[in-house]
């Protein structure tokens, strides 16, 4: 299996899990945050939805400079908006990967803030670390938010304790 096909398979599977989490996000708690330094539910869920498309951005670009403001952020006002954003950004990522080859994925990609370099790695490594692992980290964080709000957590890789209850 090629590198791109492996990434596509993982992204397709994980998008199902991400959508399961988004389906549990309570719209009436969009402004809730567990701590003053934490993101709100809406900000965190929106970030996750945006991260679903980040791998496609990496494939199609050579760098991201946060000072340039290149990233598109969807307008999120409902749970339906979150799910739509995950679906659309996942589709964009898969389309970008389908047009790539291993040579493309081995090209260097840079994430920076002006002159400060955050990451300089092959695109495949950037996709793994700054896109997929980053998404999974925040998806787990959203699970903690849901637990604190006493909302049942969906199983990701088998049933959750809430699925068995």
C-alpha atoms as a PDB file:
ATOM      1  CA  UNK A   1       0.000   0.000   0.000  1.00  0.00           C
ATOM      2  CA  UNK A   2       1.352   3.431  -0.912  1.00  0.00           C
ATOM      3  CA  UNK A   3       1.892   6.112   1.691  1.00  0.00           C
ATOM      4  CA  UNK A   4      -0.998   8.197   0.349  1.00  0.00           C
ATOM      5  CA  UNK A   5      -3.365   5.204   0.341  1.00  0.00           C
ATOM      6  CA  UNK A   6      -2.423   4.444   3.937  1.00  0.00           C
ATOM      7  CA  UNK A   7      -3.111   8.041   4.955  1.00  0.00           C
ATOM      8  CA  UNK A   8      -6.417   8.083   3.054  1.00  0.00           C
ATOM      9  CA  UNK A   9      -7.578   4.886   4.777  1.00  0.00           C
ATOM     10  CA  UNK A  10      -6.748   6.304   8.203  1.00  0.00           C
ATOM     11  CA  UNK A  11      -8.379   9.661   7.476  1.00  0.00           C
ATOM     12  CA  UNK A  12     -11.558   7.995   6.188  1.00  0.00           C
ATOM     13  CA  UNK A  13     -11.814   5.831   9.317  1.00  0.00           C
ATOM     14  CA  UNK A  14     -10.972   8.610  11.751  1.00  0.00           C
ATOM     15  CA  UNK A  15     -13.416  11.054  10.153  1.00  0.00           C
ATOM     16  CA  UNK A  16     -16.205   8.673  11.219  1.00  0.00           C
ATOM     17  CA  UNK A  17     -14.951   8.903  14.804  1.00  0.00           C
ATOM     18  CA  UNK A  18     -14.648  12.678  14.597  1.00  0.00           C
ATOM     19  CA  UNK A  19     -18.225  12.962  13.323  1.00  0.00           C
ATOM     20  CA  UNK A  20     -19.416  10.752  16.217  1.00  0.00           C
ATOM     21  CA  UNK A  21     -17.850  13.236  18.636  1.00  0.00           C
ATOM     22  CA  UNK A  22     -19.346  16.228  16.822  1.00  0.00           C
ATOM     23  CA  UNK A  23     -22.795  14.638  17.002  1.00  0.00           C
ATOM     24  CA  UNK A  24     -22.525  14.779  20.800  1.00  0.00           C
ATOM     25  CA  UNK A  25     -21.520  18.448  21.020  1.00  0.00           C
ATOM     26  CA  UNK A  26     -24.335  20.337  22.797  1.00  0.00           C
ATOM     27  CA  UNK A  27     -25.232  23.582  21.025  1.00  0.00           C
ATOM     28  CA  UNK A  28     -26.583  25.030  24.280  1.00  0.00           C
ATOM     29  CA  UNK A  29     -23.069  24.628  25.764  1.00  0.00           C
ATOM     30  CA  UNK A  30     -21.089  26.212  22.893  1.00  0.00           C
ATOM     31  CA  UNK A  31     -19.858  28.963  25.245  1.00  0.00           C
ATOM     32  CA  UNK A  32     -18.930  26.600  28.101  1.00  0.00           C
ATOM     33  CA  UNK A  33     -15.280  26.159  29.023  1.00  0.00           C
ATOM     34  CA  UNK A  34     -13.833  24.066  31.864  1.00  0.00           C
ATOM     35  CA  UNK A  35     -11.253  26.693  32.805  1.00  0.00           C
ATOM     36  CA  UNK A  36     -10.624  30.337  31.970  1.00  0.00           C
ATOM     37  CA  UNK A  37      -7.496  29.324  29.997  1.00  0.00           C
ATOM     38  CA  UNK A  38      -9.363  26.619  28.058  1.00  0.00           C
ATOM     39  CA  UNK A  39     -11.144  26.994  24.744  1.00  0.00           C
ATOM     40  CA  UNK A  40     -14.911  27.058  24.707  1.00  0.00           C
ATOM     41  CA  UNK A  41     -16.755  23.988  23.443  1.00  0.00           C
ATOM     42  CA  UNK A  42     -17.481  25.808  20.173  1.00  0.00           C
ATOM     43  CA  UNK A  43     -13.877  26.969  19.695  1.00  0.00           C
ATOM     44  CA  UNK A  44     -12.491  23.488  20.390  1.00  0.00           C
ATOM     45  CA  UNK A  45     -15.010  21.696  18.157  1.00  0.00           C
ATOM     46  CA  UNK A  46     -14.443  24.258  15.388  1.00  0.00           C
ATOM     47  CA  UNK A  47     -10.684  23.762  15.667  1.00  0.00           C
ATOM     48  CA  UNK A  48     -11.155  20.002  15.307  1.00  0.00           C
ATOM     49  CA  UNK A  49     -13.354  20.512  12.249  1.00  0.00           C
ATOM     50  CA  UNK A  50     -10.684  22.753  10.707  1.00  0.00           C
ATOM     51  CA  UNK A  51      -7.929  20.243  11.495  1.00  0.00           C
ATOM     52  CA  UNK A  52      -9.830  17.658   9.447  1.00  0.00           C
ATOM     53  CA  UNK A  53      -8.758  19.597   6.357  1.00  0.00           C
ATOM     54  CA  UNK A  54      -5.255  20.524   7.429  1.00  0.00           C
ATOM     55  CA  UNK A  55      -3.622  17.512   5.765  1.00  0.00           C
ATOM     56  CA  UNK A  56      -5.050  18.629   2.424  1.00  0.00           C
ATOM     57  CA  UNK A  57      -3.591  22.081   2.984  1.00  0.00           C
ATOM     58  CA  UNK A  58      -0.183  20.522   3.649  1.00  0.00           C
ATOM     59  CA  UNK A  59      -0.367  18.451   0.448  1.00  0.00           C
ATOM     60  CA  UNK A  60      -1.273  21.474  -1.680  1.00  0.00           C
ATOM     61  CA  UNK A  61       1.175  23.985  -0.176  1.00  0.00           C
ATOM     62  CA  UNK A  62       4.854  24.346   0.674  1.00  0.00           C
ATOM     63  CA  UNK A  63       4.376  26.184   3.950  1.00  0.00           C
ATOM     64  CA  UNK A  64       2.015  27.821   6.397  1.00  0.00           C
ATOM     65  CA  UNK A  65       2.902  31.177   7.884  1.00  0.00           C
ATOM     66  CA  UNK A  66       0.327  32.058  10.521  1.00  0.00           C
ATOM     67  CA  UNK A  67       1.108  35.744  10.013  1.00  0.00           C
ATOM     68  CA  UNK A  68      -0.258  35.501   6.447  1.00  0.00           C
ATOM     69  CA  UNK A  69      -3.698  34.277   7.543  1.00  0.00           C
ATOM     70  CA  UNK A  70      -4.085  31.707   4.719  1.00  0.00           C
ATOM     71  CA  UNK A  71      -6.242  29.203   6.576  1.00  0.00           C
ATOM     72  CA  UNK A  72      -9.980  29.297   5.909  1.00  0.00           C
ATOM     73  CA  UNK A  73     -12.167  29.000   8.966  1.00  0.00           C
ATOM     74  CA  UNK A  74     -15.752  27.888   8.396  1.00  0.00           C
ATOM     75  CA  UNK A  75     -18.532  29.753  10.139  1.00  0.00           C
ATOM     76  CA  UNK A  76     -19.859  27.511  12.886  1.00  0.00           C
ATOM     77  CA  UNK A  77     -23.227  28.232  14.461  1.00  0.00           C
ATOM     78  CA  UNK A  78     -24.640  24.754  15.031  1.00  0.00           C
ATOM     79  CA  UNK A  79     -23.845  21.082  15.431  1.00  0.00           C
ATOM     80  CA  UNK A  80     -24.865  20.650  11.785  1.00  0.00           C
ATOM     81  CA  UNK A  81     -22.216  23.230  10.814  1.00  0.00           C
ATOM     82  CA  UNK A  82     -19.580  21.233  12.718  1.00  0.00           C
ATOM     83  CA  UNK A  83     -20.495  17.986  10.992  1.00  0.00           C
ATOM     84  CA  UNK A  84     -20.615  19.680   7.576  1.00  0.00           C
ATOM     85  CA  UNK A  85     -17.182  21.239   8.198  1.00  0.00           C
ATOM     86  CA  UNK A  86     -15.688  17.849   9.102  1.00  0.00           C
ATOM     87  CA  UNK A  87     -17.226  16.222   6.021  1.00  0.00           C
ATOM     88  CA  UNK A  88     -16.121  18.981   3.629  1.00  0.00           C
ATOM     89  CA  UNK A  89     -12.616  19.357   5.011  1.00  0.00           C
ATOM     90  CA  UNK A  90     -12.114  15.585   5.069  1.00  0.00           C
ATOM     91  CA  UNK A  91     -13.242  15.377   1.424  1.00  0.00           C
ATOM     92  CA  UNK A  92     -10.797  18.177   0.500  1.00  0.00           C
ATOM     93  CA  UNK A  93      -7.969  16.322   2.253  1.00  0.00           C
ATOM     94  CA  UNK A  94      -8.742  13.020   0.544  1.00  0.00           C
ATOM     95  CA  UNK A  95      -8.983  14.717  -2.861  1.00  0.00           C
ATOM     96  CA  UNK A  96      -5.609  16.394  -2.281  1.00  0.00           C
ATOM     97  CA  UNK A  97      -4.010  13.112  -1.224  1.00  0.00           C
ATOM     98  CA  UNK A  98      -5.437  11.261  -4.230  1.00  0.00           C
ATOM     99  CA  UNK A  99      -3.659  13.738  -6.504  1.00  0.00           C
ATOM    100  CA  UNK A 100      -0.336  13.306  -4.664  1.00  0.00           C
ATOM    101  CA  UNK A 101       2.374  10.681  -4.912  1.00  0.00           C
ATOM    102  CA  UNK A 102       5.100   9.560  -2.527  1.00  0.00           C
ATOM    103  CA  UNK A 103       7.547  12.023  -4.070  1.00  0.00           C
ATOM    104  CA  UNK A 104       5.128  14.872  -3.307  1.00  0.00           C
ATOM    105  CA  UNK A 105       4.701  13.636   0.276  1.00  0.00           C
ATOM    106  CA  UNK A 106       8.474  13.549   0.790  1.00  0.00           C
ATOM    107  CA  UNK A 107       8.875  17.231  -0.131  1.00  0.00           C
ATOM    108  CA  UNK A 108       9.667  19.627   2.682  1.00  0.00           C
ATOM    109  CA  UNK A 109       6.871  21.571   4.354  1.00  0.00           C
ATOM    110  CA  UNK A 110       7.344  24.432   6.823  1.00  0.00           C
ATOM    111  CA  UNK A 111       5.045  25.807   9.502  1.00  0.00           C
ATOM    112  CA  UNK A 112       6.094  29.163  10.876  1.00  0.00           C
ATOM    113  CA  UNK A 113       5.039  32.401  12.454  1.00  0.00           C
ATOM    114  CA  UNK A 114       7.033  34.955  10.515  1.00  0.00           C
ATOM    115  CA  UNK A 115      10.696  34.161  11.081  1.00  0.00           C
ATOM    116  CA  UNK A 116       9.968  31.663  13.876  1.00  0.00           C
ATOM    117  CA  UNK A 117       9.951  28.122  12.418  1.00  0.00           C
ATOM    118  CA  UNK A 118       7.603  25.763  14.257  1.00  0.00           C
ATOM    119  CA  UNK A 119       8.120  22.730  12.006  1.00  0.00           C
ATOM    120  CA  UNK A 120      10.269  21.888   8.994  1.00  0.00           C
ATOM    121  CA  UNK A 121       9.634  18.306   7.896  1.00  0.00           C
ATOM    122  CA  UNK A 122       8.587  16.163   4.954  1.00  0.00           C
ATOM    123  CA  UNK A 123       4.902  16.636   4.135  1.00  0.00           C
ATOM    124  CA  UNK A 124       4.160  13.069   5.243  1.00  0.00           C
ATOM    125  CA  UNK A 125       5.630  13.785   8.696  1.00  0.00           C
ATOM    126  CA  UNK A 126       3.793  17.113   8.903  1.00  0.00           C
ATOM    127  CA  UNK A 127       0.535  15.342   8.075  1.00  0.00           C
ATOM    128  CA  UNK A 128       1.152  12.779  10.794  1.00  0.00           C
ATOM    129  CA  UNK A 129       2.238  15.198  13.544  1.00  0.00           C
ATOM    130  CA  UNK A 130       0.648  18.581  12.933  1.00  0.00           C
ATOM    131  CA  UNK A 131      -2.541  17.280  11.325  1.00  0.00           C
ATOM    132  CA  UNK A 132      -3.573  13.811  12.448  1.00  0.00           C
ATOM    133  CA  UNK A 133      -1.943  13.558  15.885  1.00  0.00           C
ATOM    134  CA  UNK A 134      -2.993  17.137  16.576  1.00  0.00           C
ATOM    135  CA  UNK A 135      -6.599  16.308  15.609  1.00  0.00           C
ATOM    136  CA  UNK A 136      -6.637  13.199  17.820  1.00  0.00           C
ATOM    137  CA  UNK A 137      -5.244  15.181  20.747  1.00  0.00           C
ATOM    138  CA  UNK A 138      -8.005  17.769  20.517  1.00  0.00           C
ATOM    139  CA  UNK A 139     -10.686  15.155  19.851  1.00  0.00           C
ATOM    140  CA  UNK A 140      -9.694  13.479  23.145  1.00  0.00           C
ATOM    141  CA  UNK A 141      -9.777  16.881  24.820  1.00  0.00           C
ATOM    142  CA  UNK A 142     -13.336  17.326  23.520  1.00  0.00           C
ATOM    143  CA  UNK A 143     -14.143  13.949  25.078  1.00  0.00           C
ATOM    144  CA  UNK A 144     -13.050  15.323  28.454  1.00  0.00           C
ATOM    145  CA  UNK A 145     -15.265  18.375  27.938  1.00  0.00           C
ATOM    146  CA  UNK A 146     -18.224  16.124  27.142  1.00  0.00           C
ATOM    147  CA  UNK A 147     -17.531  13.969  30.201  1.00  0.00           C
ATOM    148  CA  UNK A 148     -17.414  17.066  32.415  1.00  0.00           C
ATOM    149  CA  UNK A 149     -20.781  18.095  30.943  1.00  0.00           C
ATOM    150  CA  UNK A 150     -22.130  14.594  31.698  1.00  0.00           C
ATOM    151  CA  UNK A 151     -22.684  13.846  28.019  1.00  0.00           C
ATOM    152  CA  UNK A 152     -22.130  10.208  26.994  1.00  0.00           C
ATOM    153  CA  UNK A 153     -18.878   9.646  25.107  1.00  0.00           C
ATOM    154  CA  UNK A 154     -19.107   7.624  21.887  1.00  0.00           C
ATOM    155  CA  UNK A 155     -16.735   4.704  21.418  1.00  0.00           C
ATOM    156  CA  UNK A 156     -13.853   5.389  19.068  1.00  0.00           C
ATOM    157  CA  UNK A 157     -12.153   1.989  18.783  1.00  0.00           C
ATOM    158  CA  UNK A 158     -14.816  -0.170  20.354  1.00  0.00           C
ATOM    159  CA  UNK A 159     -17.555   0.567  22.852  1.00  0.00           C
ATOM    160  CA  UNK A 160     -17.053   3.299  25.457  1.00  0.00           C
ATOM    161  CA  UNK A 161     -18.093   2.926  29.089  1.00  0.00           C
ATOM    162  CA  UNK A 162     -21.219   4.875  28.123  1.00  0.00           C
ATOM    163  CA  UNK A 163     -22.001   2.448  25.284  1.00  0.00           C
ATOM    164  CA  UNK A 164     -21.895  -0.442  27.768  1.00  0.00           C
ATOM    165  CA  UNK A 165     -24.064   1.278  30.389  1.00  0.00           C
END
